[in-house]
């Protein structure tokens, strides 16, 4: 039962993280275009949005980016050199991550 609830938590966490990344990219498009009027910020936000939307369409799920080796390099804990395993970014626990 603990494994099932943990898997459900990880799935919900990944979905929320993906949704917030999409919202963040859309907000950055609006900020880059209308508030700051900085073209590179707007273009970077559009690229992020396009990547997020096409990646999930190609690999059939919004959770799949978290099981990619590139994600594991970016989300690995600092100091000890350990990498998160194939269960997703929250498999080791939030207290073991150092956010940059």
C-alpha atoms as a PDB file:
ATOM      1  CA  UNK A   1       0.000   0.000   0.000  1.00  0.00           C
ATOM      2  CA  UNK A   2       2.868   2.349   0.743  1.00  0.00           C
ATOM      3  CA  UNK A   3       4.352   1.699  -2.696  1.00  0.00           C
ATOM      4  CA  UNK A   4       1.022   2.452  -4.367  1.00  0.00           C
ATOM      5  CA  UNK A   5       0.532   5.713  -2.469  1.00  0.00           C
ATOM      6  CA  UNK A   6       4.125   6.690  -3.181  1.00  0.00           C
ATOM      7  CA  UNK A   7       3.646   6.002  -6.904  1.00  0.00           C
ATOM      8  CA  UNK A   8       0.445   8.054  -6.878  1.00  0.00           C
ATOM      9  CA  UNK A   9       2.244  10.919  -5.116  1.00  0.00           C
ATOM     10  CA  UNK A  10       5.064  10.865  -7.666  1.00  0.00           C
ATOM     11  CA  UNK A  11       2.596  10.832 -10.555  1.00  0.00           C
ATOM     12  CA  UNK A  12       0.634  13.775  -9.121  1.00  0.00           C
ATOM     13  CA  UNK A  13       3.858  15.659  -8.381  1.00  0.00           C
ATOM     14  CA  UNK A  14       5.109  15.168 -11.937  1.00  0.00           C
ATOM     15  CA  UNK A  15       1.791  16.341 -13.383  1.00  0.00           C
ATOM     16  CA  UNK A  16       1.774  19.447 -11.190  1.00  0.00           C
ATOM     17  CA  UNK A  17       5.392  20.200 -12.043  1.00  0.00           C
ATOM     18  CA  UNK A  18       4.674  19.895 -15.754  1.00  0.00           C
ATOM     19  CA  UNK A  19       1.602  22.137 -15.496  1.00  0.00           C
ATOM     20  CA  UNK A  20       3.580  24.784 -13.605  1.00  0.00           C
ATOM     21  CA  UNK A  21       6.357  24.673 -16.205  1.00  0.00           C
ATOM     22  CA  UNK A  22       3.801  25.300 -18.956  1.00  0.00           C
ATOM     23  CA  UNK A  23       2.204  28.142 -16.977  1.00  0.00           C
ATOM     24  CA  UNK A  24       5.642  29.612 -16.254  1.00  0.00           C
ATOM     25  CA  UNK A  25       6.561  29.591 -19.948  1.00  0.00           C
ATOM     26  CA  UNK A  26       3.299  31.306 -20.895  1.00  0.00           C
ATOM     27  CA  UNK A  27       3.770  33.951 -18.206  1.00  0.00           C
ATOM     28  CA  UNK A  28       7.310  34.568 -19.408  1.00  0.00           C
ATOM     29  CA  UNK A  29       6.015  35.032 -22.969  1.00  0.00           C
ATOM     30  CA  UNK A  30       3.621  37.717 -21.746  1.00  0.00           C
ATOM     31  CA  UNK A  31       6.267  39.370 -19.563  1.00  0.00           C
ATOM     32  CA  UNK A  32       8.858  39.256 -22.341  1.00  0.00           C
ATOM     33  CA  UNK A  33       6.494  40.712 -24.909  1.00  0.00           C
ATOM     34  CA  UNK A  34       4.452  43.299 -23.030  1.00  0.00           C
ATOM     35  CA  UNK A  35       6.121  44.218 -19.737  1.00  0.00           C
ATOM     36  CA  UNK A  36       9.874  44.026 -20.225  1.00  0.00           C
ATOM     37  CA  UNK A  37       9.803  43.980 -24.039  1.00  0.00           C
ATOM     38  CA  UNK A  38      12.903  41.825 -24.198  1.00  0.00           C
ATOM     39  CA  UNK A  39      12.898  39.758 -27.373  1.00  0.00           C
ATOM     40  CA  UNK A  40      15.301  37.034 -26.189  1.00  0.00           C
ATOM     41  CA  UNK A  41      13.213  36.337 -23.095  1.00  0.00           C
ATOM     42  CA  UNK A  42      10.102  35.980 -25.214  1.00  0.00           C
ATOM     43  CA  UNK A  43      11.835  33.685 -27.695  1.00  0.00           C
ATOM     44  CA  UNK A  44      13.279  31.526 -24.909  1.00  0.00           C
ATOM     45  CA  UNK A  45       9.820  31.203 -23.336  1.00  0.00           C
ATOM     46  CA  UNK A  46       8.295  30.231 -26.695  1.00  0.00           C
ATOM     47  CA  UNK A  47      11.027  27.631 -27.195  1.00  0.00           C
ATOM     48  CA  UNK A  48      10.378  26.221 -23.714  1.00  0.00           C
ATOM     49  CA  UNK A  49       6.638  26.062 -24.377  1.00  0.00           C
ATOM     50  CA  UNK A  50       7.145  24.406 -27.765  1.00  0.00           C
ATOM     51  CA  UNK A  51       9.559  21.893 -26.235  1.00  0.00           C
ATOM     52  CA  UNK A  52       7.192  21.009 -23.406  1.00  0.00           C
ATOM     53  CA  UNK A  53       4.223  20.579 -25.711  1.00  0.00           C
ATOM     54  CA  UNK A  54       5.988  18.637 -28.467  1.00  0.00           C
ATOM     55  CA  UNK A  55       7.977  16.408 -26.102  1.00  0.00           C
ATOM     56  CA  UNK A  56       4.820  15.187 -24.426  1.00  0.00           C
ATOM     57  CA  UNK A  57       3.112  14.615 -27.769  1.00  0.00           C
ATOM     58  CA  UNK A  58       6.070  12.595 -29.041  1.00  0.00           C
ATOM     59  CA  UNK A  59       6.447  10.430 -25.948  1.00  0.00           C
ATOM     60  CA  UNK A  60       2.742  10.179 -25.016  1.00  0.00           C
ATOM     61  CA  UNK A  61       2.841  11.454 -21.458  1.00  0.00           C
ATOM     62  CA  UNK A  62       3.638  14.512 -19.407  1.00  0.00           C
ATOM     63  CA  UNK A  63       5.623  12.308 -17.007  1.00  0.00           C
ATOM     64  CA  UNK A  64       8.124  11.027 -19.535  1.00  0.00           C
ATOM     65  CA  UNK A  65      10.600  13.952 -19.292  1.00  0.00           C
ATOM     66  CA  UNK A  66      11.341  12.973 -15.687  1.00  0.00           C
ATOM     67  CA  UNK A  67      12.571   9.541 -16.712  1.00  0.00           C
ATOM     68  CA  UNK A  68      15.025  10.938 -19.242  1.00  0.00           C
ATOM     69  CA  UNK A  69      18.764  10.735 -18.401  1.00  0.00           C
ATOM     70  CA  UNK A  70      19.096  14.485 -19.051  1.00  0.00           C
ATOM     71  CA  UNK A  71      16.577  15.167 -16.282  1.00  0.00           C
ATOM     72  CA  UNK A  72      18.554  12.893 -13.953  1.00  0.00           C
ATOM     73  CA  UNK A  73      21.728  14.900 -14.604  1.00  0.00           C
ATOM     74  CA  UNK A  74      19.923  18.161 -13.808  1.00  0.00           C
ATOM     75  CA  UNK A  75      18.035  16.867 -10.769  1.00  0.00           C
ATOM     76  CA  UNK A  76      20.806  14.891  -9.100  1.00  0.00           C
ATOM     77  CA  UNK A  77      21.579  15.687  -5.479  1.00  0.00           C
ATOM     78  CA  UNK A  78      24.594  17.850  -4.839  1.00  0.00           C
ATOM     79  CA  UNK A  79      27.668  16.708  -2.974  1.00  0.00           C
ATOM     80  CA  UNK A  80      27.503  12.946  -2.979  1.00  0.00           C
ATOM     81  CA  UNK A  81      27.140  12.521  -6.733  1.00  0.00           C
ATOM     82  CA  UNK A  82      24.124  10.230  -6.435  1.00  0.00           C
ATOM     83  CA  UNK A  83      21.515  10.369  -9.153  1.00  0.00           C
ATOM     84  CA  UNK A  84      17.797   9.829  -8.754  1.00  0.00           C
ATOM     85  CA  UNK A  85      16.593   6.476  -9.962  1.00  0.00           C
ATOM     86  CA  UNK A  86      13.969   5.622 -12.575  1.00  0.00           C
ATOM     87  CA  UNK A  87      11.045   6.309 -10.244  1.00  0.00           C
ATOM     88  CA  UNK A  88      11.154  10.047 -10.897  1.00  0.00           C
ATOM     89  CA  UNK A  89      12.480  13.235  -9.329  1.00  0.00           C
ATOM     90  CA  UNK A  90      10.889  12.666  -5.903  1.00  0.00           C
ATOM     91  CA  UNK A  91      12.162   9.112  -5.455  1.00  0.00           C
ATOM     92  CA  UNK A  92      14.933  10.151  -3.062  1.00  0.00           C
ATOM     93  CA  UNK A  93      12.898  12.668  -1.133  1.00  0.00           C
ATOM     94  CA  UNK A  94      12.821  16.445  -1.274  1.00  0.00           C
ATOM     95  CA  UNK A  95      15.309  16.875   1.558  1.00  0.00           C
ATOM     96  CA  UNK A  96      18.080  15.282  -0.516  1.00  0.00           C
ATOM     97  CA  UNK A  97      17.920  17.808  -3.338  1.00  0.00           C
ATOM     98  CA  UNK A  98      19.752  21.092  -3.628  1.00  0.00           C
ATOM     99  CA  UNK A  99      17.923  23.439  -5.956  1.00  0.00           C
ATOM    100  CA  UNK A 100      19.893  25.886  -8.045  1.00  0.00           C
END
